[in-house]
C-alpha cells in the first residue's frame, strides 16, 4: 500500500510539473507599435494606424483586461482597444512578471499584454507558449496568441 501511495504521489508530481506556467484563457502579447524618438516617445503615425488595426482585430475576442508597461508607447498601443471595449488600461511592472500573472489570472478571460522587444518572448513563455525568438528593435506588429492548456502560439502580423 505504501509503495502504491508513493507511486501515485510521484505520478501526480510529474503531471503537475508538466503543466503550463499559466492555465487560464487566451493571452495576446504584442510589442508596443512603432515609436517616435526621445524619452518616453509617442507612437508614430504608422504605430497609431496599427494600434487601430489591433483594436479592430481584437474587438470580438472577448478581452477582459488590458495590461501595459508604464510607457507612453505601450499605453498608446493599447488605448484604441481599451476605449472600444470600455476597459481600463492597467499598468504592470515588467520586472514583476509574477504580479502580472496574478492579475491575468484574476481577469478570468482573454487579455492583451503590451510589452517591449526585450520582454515579449519571456511573456509568451511565462503564459505557457513555446518561447519565440527574441525580438529586435525593428520588430513591430506581431501579435502572439498564446492558447490556454497548450504550448501552441499563433502569430498574427498587423499590416
Protein backbone atom coordinates (compact mmCIF):
# COMPACT_ATOMS: atom_id res chain seq x y z
CA UNK A 1 0.00 0.00 0.00
CA UNK A 2 2.80 2.41 0.91
CA UNK A 3 4.56 1.64 -2.37
CA UNK A 4 1.33 2.32 -4.28
CA UNK A 5 0.90 5.65 -2.47
CA UNK A 6 4.48 6.66 -3.33
CA UNK A 7 3.91 5.78 -7.00
CA UNK A 8 0.70 7.82 -7.00
CA UNK A 9 2.43 10.84 -5.43
CA UNK A 10 5.33 10.59 -7.87
CA UNK A 11 2.91 10.43 -10.80
CA UNK A 12 0.94 13.41 -9.51
CA UNK A 13 4.14 15.43 -9.06
CA UNK A 14 5.23 14.59 -12.61
CA UNK A 15 1.85 15.63 -14.01
CA UNK A 16 1.94 18.94 -12.17
CA UNK A 17 5.48 19.64 -13.32
CA UNK A 18 4.41 19.35 -16.97
CA UNK A 19 1.52 21.80 -16.69
CA UNK A 20 1.98 25.12 -18.48
CA UNK A 21 3.01 28.09 -16.37
CA UNK A 22 -0.45 29.52 -16.96
CA UNK A 23 -3.64 27.57 -17.36
CA UNK A 24 -6.05 30.46 -17.93
CA UNK A 25 -7.64 31.85 -21.06
CA UNK A 26 -6.04 33.06 -24.25
CA UNK A 27 -3.31 35.64 -23.75
CA UNK A 28 -2.48 38.08 -26.53
CA UNK A 29 1.04 39.54 -26.32
CA UNK A 30 2.40 42.28 -28.54
CA UNK A 31 5.35 44.61 -28.51
CA UNK A 32 4.33 48.28 -28.49
CA UNK A 33 3.95 49.53 -32.02
CA UNK A 34 6.22 51.89 -33.98
CA UNK A 35 7.52 54.68 -31.81
CA UNK A 36 8.99 58.12 -32.38
CA UNK A 37 12.34 59.07 -30.84
CA UNK A 38 13.13 60.62 -27.48
CA UNK A 39 12.42 59.91 -23.85
CA UNK A 40 9.11 58.07 -23.42
CA UNK A 41 8.12 58.59 -27.06
CA UNK A 42 4.64 58.50 -28.53
CA UNK A 43 3.67 56.22 -31.37
CA UNK A 44 4.40 57.35 -34.90
CA UNK A 45 1.52 57.80 -37.35
CA UNK A 46 2.24 54.24 -38.57
CA UNK A 47 2.17 52.95 -35.00
CA UNK A 48 -1.14 54.70 -34.29
CA UNK A 49 -2.60 53.24 -37.50
CA UNK A 50 -1.56 49.76 -36.41
CA UNK A 51 -2.96 50.34 -32.90
CA UNK A 52 -6.34 51.00 -34.54
CA UNK A 53 -5.91 47.81 -36.59
CA UNK A 54 -5.13 45.88 -33.38
CA UNK A 55 -8.35 47.25 -31.85
CA UNK A 56 -10.36 46.08 -34.87
CA UNK A 57 -8.70 42.66 -34.82
CA UNK A 58 -9.39 42.03 -31.11
CA UNK A 59 -12.76 43.78 -30.88
CA UNK A 60 -14.64 40.47 -30.76
CA UNK A 61 -12.02 38.44 -28.86
CA UNK A 62 -13.88 38.89 -25.54
CA UNK A 63 -10.88 40.69 -23.99
CA UNK A 64 -11.43 41.16 -20.25
CA UNK A 65 -8.34 43.20 -19.35
CA UNK A 66 -5.56 45.21 -20.96
CA UNK A 67 -2.08 45.41 -19.42
CA UNK A 68 0.73 47.78 -20.42
CA UNK A 69 4.10 48.84 -19.09
CA UNK A 70 4.19 52.40 -17.74
CA UNK A 71 5.35 53.91 -21.03
CA UNK A 72 3.54 56.21 -23.41
CA UNK A 73 4.14 53.95 -26.44
CA UNK A 74 2.71 50.89 -24.67
CA UNK A 75 -0.33 52.82 -23.47
CA UNK A 76 -0.95 54.28 -26.93
CA UNK A 77 -0.74 50.79 -28.46
CA UNK A 78 -3.49 49.50 -26.18
CA UNK A 79 -5.76 52.55 -25.80
CA UNK A 80 -7.80 52.16 -29.01
CA UNK A 81 -8.81 48.63 -28.00
CA UNK A 82 -9.46 49.59 -24.37
CA UNK A 83 -11.60 52.56 -25.46
CA UNK A 84 -13.54 50.42 -27.93
CA UNK A 85 -14.29 47.84 -25.23
CA UNK A 86 -14.80 50.29 -22.36
CA UNK A 87 -11.93 48.76 -20.38
CA UNK A 88 -9.31 50.49 -18.26
CA UNK A 89 -5.66 50.22 -19.26
CA UNK A 90 -3.79 48.66 -16.33
CA UNK A 91 -0.07 49.22 -15.87
CA UNK A 92 2.27 46.43 -14.82
CA UNK A 93 5.90 46.36 -13.76
CA UNK A 94 7.85 44.44 -16.42
CA UNK A 95 10.29 43.34 -13.70
CA UNK A 96 7.49 41.65 -11.71
CA UNK A 97 6.04 39.08 -14.11
CA UNK A 98 4.52 37.05 -11.27
CA UNK A 99 2.37 40.02 -10.22
CA UNK A 100 1.28 40.37 -13.85
CA UNK A 101 0.47 36.64 -13.96
CA UNK A 102 -1.71 37.04 -10.87
CA UNK A 103 -3.54 39.97 -12.47
CA UNK A 104 -4.03 38.00 -15.69
CA UNK A 105 -5.48 35.08 -13.71
CA UNK A 106 -7.81 37.43 -11.85
CA UNK A 107 -9.12 38.80 -15.16
CA UNK A 108 -10.80 35.42 -15.78
CA UNK A 109 -10.78 35.70 -19.54
CA UNK A 110 -8.68 36.65 -22.54
CA UNK A 111 -6.28 39.55 -22.04
CA UNK A 112 -3.97 41.78 -24.05
CA UNK A 113 -0.46 42.44 -22.75
CA UNK A 114 1.70 45.11 -24.38
CA UNK A 115 5.41 44.64 -23.79
CA UNK A 116 8.75 45.53 -25.31
CA UNK A 117 11.31 43.90 -27.61
CA UNK A 118 13.19 42.56 -24.59
CA UNK A 119 10.13 41.19 -22.75
CA UNK A 120 7.72 39.69 -25.32
CA UNK A 121 9.46 36.31 -25.70
CA UNK A 122 9.61 35.79 -21.93
CA UNK A 123 5.95 36.80 -21.55
CA UNK A 124 4.86 34.31 -24.21
CA UNK A 125 6.80 31.57 -22.40
CA UNK A 126 5.51 32.60 -18.96
CA UNK A 127 1.93 32.21 -20.12
CA UNK A 128 2.56 28.70 -21.42
CA UNK A 129 3.60 29.14 -25.04
CA UNK A 130 6.72 27.95 -26.80
CA UNK A 131 9.24 30.75 -26.38
CA UNK A 132 9.70 32.65 -29.66
CA UNK A 133 12.99 34.18 -30.77
CA UNK A 134 13.85 37.46 -29.09
CA UNK A 135 12.55 40.50 -30.95
CA UNK A 136 14.89 43.08 -32.42
CA UNK A 137 14.49 46.83 -32.24
CA UNK A 138 12.99 46.70 -35.74
CA UNK A 139 10.31 44.10 -34.95
CA UNK A 140 6.85 45.68 -34.76
CA UNK A 141 3.37 44.42 -35.46
CA UNK A 142 3.46 40.74 -34.50
CA UNK A 143 0.66 39.66 -32.17
CA UNK A 144 1.45 36.43 -30.30
CA UNK A 145 -1.63 34.41 -29.38
CA UNK A 146 -0.95 32.00 -26.51
CA UNK A 147 -3.64 29.35 -26.22
CA UNK A 148 -4.67 28.01 -22.83
CA UNK A 149 -3.59 24.49 -21.98
CA UNK A 150 -1.20 24.14 -24.91
CA UNK A 151 2.23 25.38 -25.89
CA UNK A 152 0.80 26.46 -29.24
CA UNK A 153 1.45 30.08 -30.18
CA UNK A 154 -0.09 31.64 -33.25
CA UNK A 155 1.39 34.76 -34.77
CA UNK A 156 -0.70 37.40 -36.47
CA UNK A 157 1.05 40.15 -38.44
CA UNK A 158 -0.60 43.54 -38.49
CA UNK A 159 -0.49 45.32 -41.87
